[in-house]
Amino acid sequence: MIQTQFYTELGKVLYAIAFFDGVIQDAEIQELERYIKRILKALPSEGNENRMVMISKLRFYNCRKEQLKPKLAFHSFYNFMEKYGDKISTHDKDVANQLLTAIAGAYKGLQQTEIIHLNKIQHLFQNSLK
């Protein structure tokens, strides 16, 4: 259950990182798709992780459709990690980090707002090592 919540929250924070510059660029969506495909190819086809990564992708698209405010999406992930971060595996955090870094740098490289928020997430991950 916690793993499913983590990947749902990951979809929200992916959306927030992509949208912090004011618009979600096609390059960011393409990068998200590329990285998800890369991760899925590395996983067993029937694995639970396969489903989890797809949950993040779906949540990303739902946030976009609902026009969720990026700060709200970011804080939702941040609050979840503060509460449950120690229950999230290092592997899941690594997958999240790969996706976040890829989407943040997909359009014109890393912007200041993205760097600030990625650093906050890195700090959370480091303080909740499992």
C-alpha atoms as a PDB file:
ATOM      1  CA  MET A   1       0.000   0.000   0.000  1.00  0.00           C
ATOM      2  CA  ILE A   2       2.784   2.455   0.894  1.00  0.00           C
ATOM      3  CA  GLN A   3       4.601   1.636  -2.348  1.00  0.00           C
ATOM      4  CA  THR A   4       1.447   2.381  -4.373  1.00  0.00           C
ATOM      5  CA  GLN A   5       1.008   5.688  -2.534  1.00  0.00           C
ATOM      6  CA  PHE A   6       4.657   6.534  -3.172  1.00  0.00           C
ATOM      7  CA  TYR A   7       4.316   6.034  -6.930  1.00  0.00           C
ATOM      8  CA  THR A   8       1.058   7.997  -6.964  1.00  0.00           C
ATOM      9  CA  GLU A   9       2.798  10.861  -5.161  1.00  0.00           C
ATOM     10  CA  LEU A  10       5.757  10.506  -7.516  1.00  0.00           C
ATOM     11  CA  GLY A  11       3.434  11.183 -10.437  1.00  0.00           C
ATOM     12  CA  LYS A  12       2.340  14.384  -8.714  1.00  0.00           C
ATOM     13  CA  VAL A  13       5.865  15.611  -8.082  1.00  0.00           C
ATOM     14  CA  LEU A  14       6.921  14.746 -11.652  1.00  0.00           C
ATOM     15  CA  TYR A  15       4.077  16.980 -12.792  1.00  0.00           C
ATOM     16  CA  ALA A  16       5.160  19.734 -10.395  1.00  0.00           C
ATOM     17  CA  ILE A  17       8.788  19.650 -11.550  1.00  0.00           C
ATOM     18  CA  ALA A  18       7.722  19.746 -15.200  1.00  0.00           C
ATOM     19  CA  PHE A  19       5.300  22.624 -14.586  1.00  0.00           C
ATOM     20  CA  PHE A  20       7.361  24.866 -12.283  1.00  0.00           C
ATOM     21  CA  ASP A  21       8.560  26.891 -15.251  1.00  0.00           C
ATOM     22  CA  GLY A  22       4.936  27.751 -16.064  1.00  0.00           C
ATOM     23  CA  VAL A  23       4.209  25.261 -18.823  1.00  0.00           C
ATOM     24  CA  ILE A  24       4.732  21.561 -19.457  1.00  0.00           C
ATOM     25  CA  GLN A  25       6.824  21.310 -22.587  1.00  0.00           C
ATOM     26  CA  ASP A  26       6.492  18.505 -25.138  1.00  0.00           C
ATOM     27  CA  ALA A  27      10.157  17.706 -24.491  1.00  0.00           C
ATOM     28  CA  GLU A  28       9.369  17.026 -20.836  1.00  0.00           C
ATOM     29  CA  ILE A  29       6.538  14.666 -21.706  1.00  0.00           C
ATOM     30  CA  GLN A  30       8.710  12.884 -24.268  1.00  0.00           C
ATOM     31  CA  GLU A  31      11.503  12.524 -21.719  1.00  0.00           C
ATOM     32  CA  LEU A  32       9.078  11.103 -19.164  1.00  0.00           C
ATOM     33  CA  GLU A  33       7.865   8.579 -21.744  1.00  0.00           C
ATOM     34  CA  ARG A  34      11.453   7.647 -22.707  1.00  0.00           C
ATOM     35  CA  TYR A  35      12.535   7.076 -19.128  1.00  0.00           C
ATOM     36  CA  ILE A  36       9.436   5.109 -18.248  1.00  0.00           C
ATOM     37  CA  LYS A  37      10.051   2.850 -21.259  1.00  0.00           C
ATOM     38  CA  ARG A  38      13.694   2.438 -20.232  1.00  0.00           C
ATOM     39  CA  ILE A  39      12.724   1.521 -16.672  1.00  0.00           C
ATOM     40  CA  LEU A  40      10.002  -0.863 -17.822  1.00  0.00           C
ATOM     41  CA  LYS A  41      12.407  -2.653 -20.184  1.00  0.00           C
ATOM     42  CA  ALA A  42      14.721  -3.295 -17.249  1.00  0.00           C
ATOM     43  CA  LEU A  43      11.950  -4.841 -15.145  1.00  0.00           C
ATOM     44  CA  PRO A  44      10.291  -8.255 -15.400  1.00  0.00           C
ATOM     45  CA  SER A  45       7.109  -7.885 -17.450  1.00  0.00           C
ATOM     46  CA  GLU A  46       4.892  -9.268 -14.700  1.00  0.00           C
ATOM     47  CA  GLY A  47       6.628  -7.408 -11.876  1.00  0.00           C
ATOM     48  CA  ASN A  48       4.837  -5.187  -9.396  1.00  0.00           C
ATOM     49  CA  GLU A  49       7.302  -2.375 -10.146  1.00  0.00           C
ATOM     50  CA  ASN A  50       6.050  -2.345 -13.717  1.00  0.00           C
ATOM     51  CA  ARG A  51       2.587  -1.453 -12.422  1.00  0.00           C
ATOM     52  CA  MET A  52       3.985   1.103  -9.980  1.00  0.00           C
ATOM     53  CA  VAL A  53       5.831   3.070 -12.663  1.00  0.00           C
ATOM     54  CA  MET A  54       2.669   3.154 -14.759  1.00  0.00           C
ATOM     55  CA  ILE A  55       0.772   4.534 -11.739  1.00  0.00           C
ATOM     56  CA  SER A  56       3.191   7.489 -11.685  1.00  0.00           C
ATOM     57  CA  LYS A  57       2.669   8.100 -15.368  1.00  0.00           C
ATOM     58  CA  LEU A  58      -1.106   8.037 -15.027  1.00  0.00           C
ATOM     59  CA  ARG A  59      -1.024  10.362 -12.017  1.00  0.00           C
ATOM     60  CA  PHE A  60       1.174  12.786 -13.965  1.00  0.00           C
ATOM     61  CA  TYR A  61      -1.380  12.916 -16.777  1.00  0.00           C
ATOM     62  CA  ASN A  62      -4.279  13.238 -14.318  1.00  0.00           C
ATOM     63  CA  CYS A  63      -2.610  16.203 -12.603  1.00  0.00           C
ATOM     64  CA  ARG A  64      -2.147  17.835 -15.975  1.00  0.00           C
ATOM     65  CA  LYS A  65      -5.762  17.205 -16.953  1.00  0.00           C
ATOM     66  CA  GLU A  66      -7.014  18.522 -13.596  1.00  0.00           C
ATOM     67  CA  GLN A  67      -4.651  21.527 -13.842  1.00  0.00           C
ATOM     68  CA  LEU A  68      -3.377  20.889 -10.336  1.00  0.00           C
ATOM     69  CA  LYS A  69      -1.238  23.712  -8.954  1.00  0.00           C
ATOM     70  CA  PRO A  70       2.419  22.604  -9.026  1.00  0.00           C
ATOM     71  CA  LYS A  71       3.103  23.801  -5.475  1.00  0.00           C
ATOM     72  CA  LEU A  72       0.200  21.728  -4.187  1.00  0.00           C
ATOM     73  CA  ALA A  73       1.461  18.664  -6.056  1.00  0.00           C
ATOM     74  CA  PHE A  74       5.003  19.211  -4.756  1.00  0.00           C
ATOM     75  CA  HIS A  75       3.880  19.636  -1.151  1.00  0.00           C
ATOM     76  CA  SER A  76       1.727  16.529  -1.358  1.00  0.00           C
ATOM     77  CA  PHE A  77       4.816  14.471  -2.279  1.00  0.00           C
ATOM     78  CA  TYR A  78       6.974  16.286   0.284  1.00  0.00           C
ATOM     79  CA  ASN A  79       4.497  15.670   3.101  1.00  0.00           C
ATOM     80  CA  PHE A  80       4.148  12.010   2.117  1.00  0.00           C
ATOM     81  CA  MET A  81       7.927  11.536   2.197  1.00  0.00           C
ATOM     82  CA  GLU A  82       8.266  13.263   5.551  1.00  0.00           C
ATOM     83  CA  LYS A  83       5.723  10.858   6.983  1.00  0.00           C
ATOM     84  CA  TYR A  84       6.568   7.601   5.168  1.00  0.00           C
ATOM     85  CA  GLY A  85       9.996   8.120   3.607  1.00  0.00           C
ATOM     86  CA  ASP A  86      11.668   5.580   5.864  1.00  0.00           C
ATOM     87  CA  LYS A  87       9.290   2.918   4.527  1.00  0.00           C
ATOM     88  CA  ILE A  88      10.262   3.508   0.888  1.00  0.00           C
ATOM     89  CA  SER A  89      13.025   1.287  -0.483  1.00  0.00           C
ATOM     90  CA  THR A  90      16.279   2.698  -1.783  1.00  0.00           C
ATOM     91  CA  HIS A  91      15.468   1.142  -5.155  1.00  0.00           C
ATOM     92  CA  ASP A  92      12.144   3.009  -5.386  1.00  0.00           C
ATOM     93  CA  LYS A  93      13.868   6.252  -4.427  1.00  0.00           C
ATOM     94  CA  ASP A  94      16.479   5.624  -7.134  1.00  0.00           C
ATOM     95  CA  VAL A  95      13.753   5.084  -9.736  1.00  0.00           C
ATOM     96  CA  ALA A  96      12.094   8.308  -8.583  1.00  0.00           C
ATOM     97  CA  ASN A  97      15.372  10.202  -8.725  1.00  0.00           C
ATOM     98  CA  GLN A  98      16.038   9.023 -12.292  1.00  0.00           C
ATOM     99  CA  LEU A  99      12.588  10.129 -13.440  1.00  0.00           C
ATOM    100  CA  LEU A 100      12.746  13.469 -11.639  1.00  0.00           C
ATOM    101  CA  THR A 101      16.197  14.332 -12.950  1.00  0.00           C
ATOM    102  CA  ALA A 102      15.229  13.357 -16.499  1.00  0.00           C
ATOM    103  CA  ILE A 103      12.062  15.413 -16.583  1.00  0.00           C
ATOM    104  CA  ALA A 104      13.671  18.427 -14.896  1.00  0.00           C
ATOM    105  CA  GLY A 105      16.452  18.643 -17.462  1.00  0.00           C
ATOM    106  CA  ALA A 106      14.352  17.788 -20.502  1.00  0.00           C
ATOM    107  CA  TYR A 107      13.619  21.355 -21.594  1.00  0.00           C
ATOM    108  CA  LYS A 108      16.496  23.857 -21.726  1.00  0.00           C
ATOM    109  CA  GLY A 109      18.350  21.998 -18.981  1.00  0.00           C
ATOM    110  CA  LEU A 110      17.810  22.482 -15.282  1.00  0.00           C
ATOM    111  CA  GLN A 111      16.220  25.780 -14.297  1.00  0.00           C
ATOM    112  CA  GLN A 112      16.735  27.447 -10.910  1.00  0.00           C
ATOM    113  CA  THR A 113      13.257  26.559  -9.607  1.00  0.00           C
ATOM    114  CA  GLU A 114      13.706  22.936 -10.642  1.00  0.00           C
ATOM    115  CA  ILE A 115      17.124  22.749  -8.985  1.00  0.00           C
ATOM    116  CA  ILE A 116      15.744  24.133  -5.724  1.00  0.00           C
ATOM    117  CA  HIS A 117      12.906  21.603  -5.653  1.00  0.00           C
ATOM    118  CA  LEU A 118      15.103  18.683  -6.723  1.00  0.00           C
ATOM    119  CA  ASN A 119      17.502  19.557  -3.893  1.00  0.00           C
ATOM    120  CA  LYS A 120      14.610  19.485  -1.430  1.00  0.00           C
ATOM    121  CA  ILE A 121      13.631  16.044  -2.687  1.00  0.00           C
ATOM    122  CA  GLN A 122      17.229  14.813  -2.500  1.00  0.00           C
ATOM    123  CA  HIS A 123      17.405  16.022   1.072  1.00  0.00           C
ATOM    124  CA  LEU A 124      14.212  14.111   1.874  1.00  0.00           C
ATOM    125  CA  PHE A 125      15.550  10.946   0.254  1.00  0.00           C
ATOM    126  CA  GLN A 126      18.835  11.177   2.149  1.00  0.00           C
ATOM    127  CA  ASN A 127      17.118  11.794   5.474  1.00  0.00           C
ATOM    128  CA  SER A 128      14.826   8.810   5.035  1.00  0.00           C
ATOM    129  CA  LEU A 129      17.316   6.159   3.940  1.00  0.00           C
ATOM    130  CA  LYS A 130      16.069   2.629   4.304  1.00  0.00           C
END
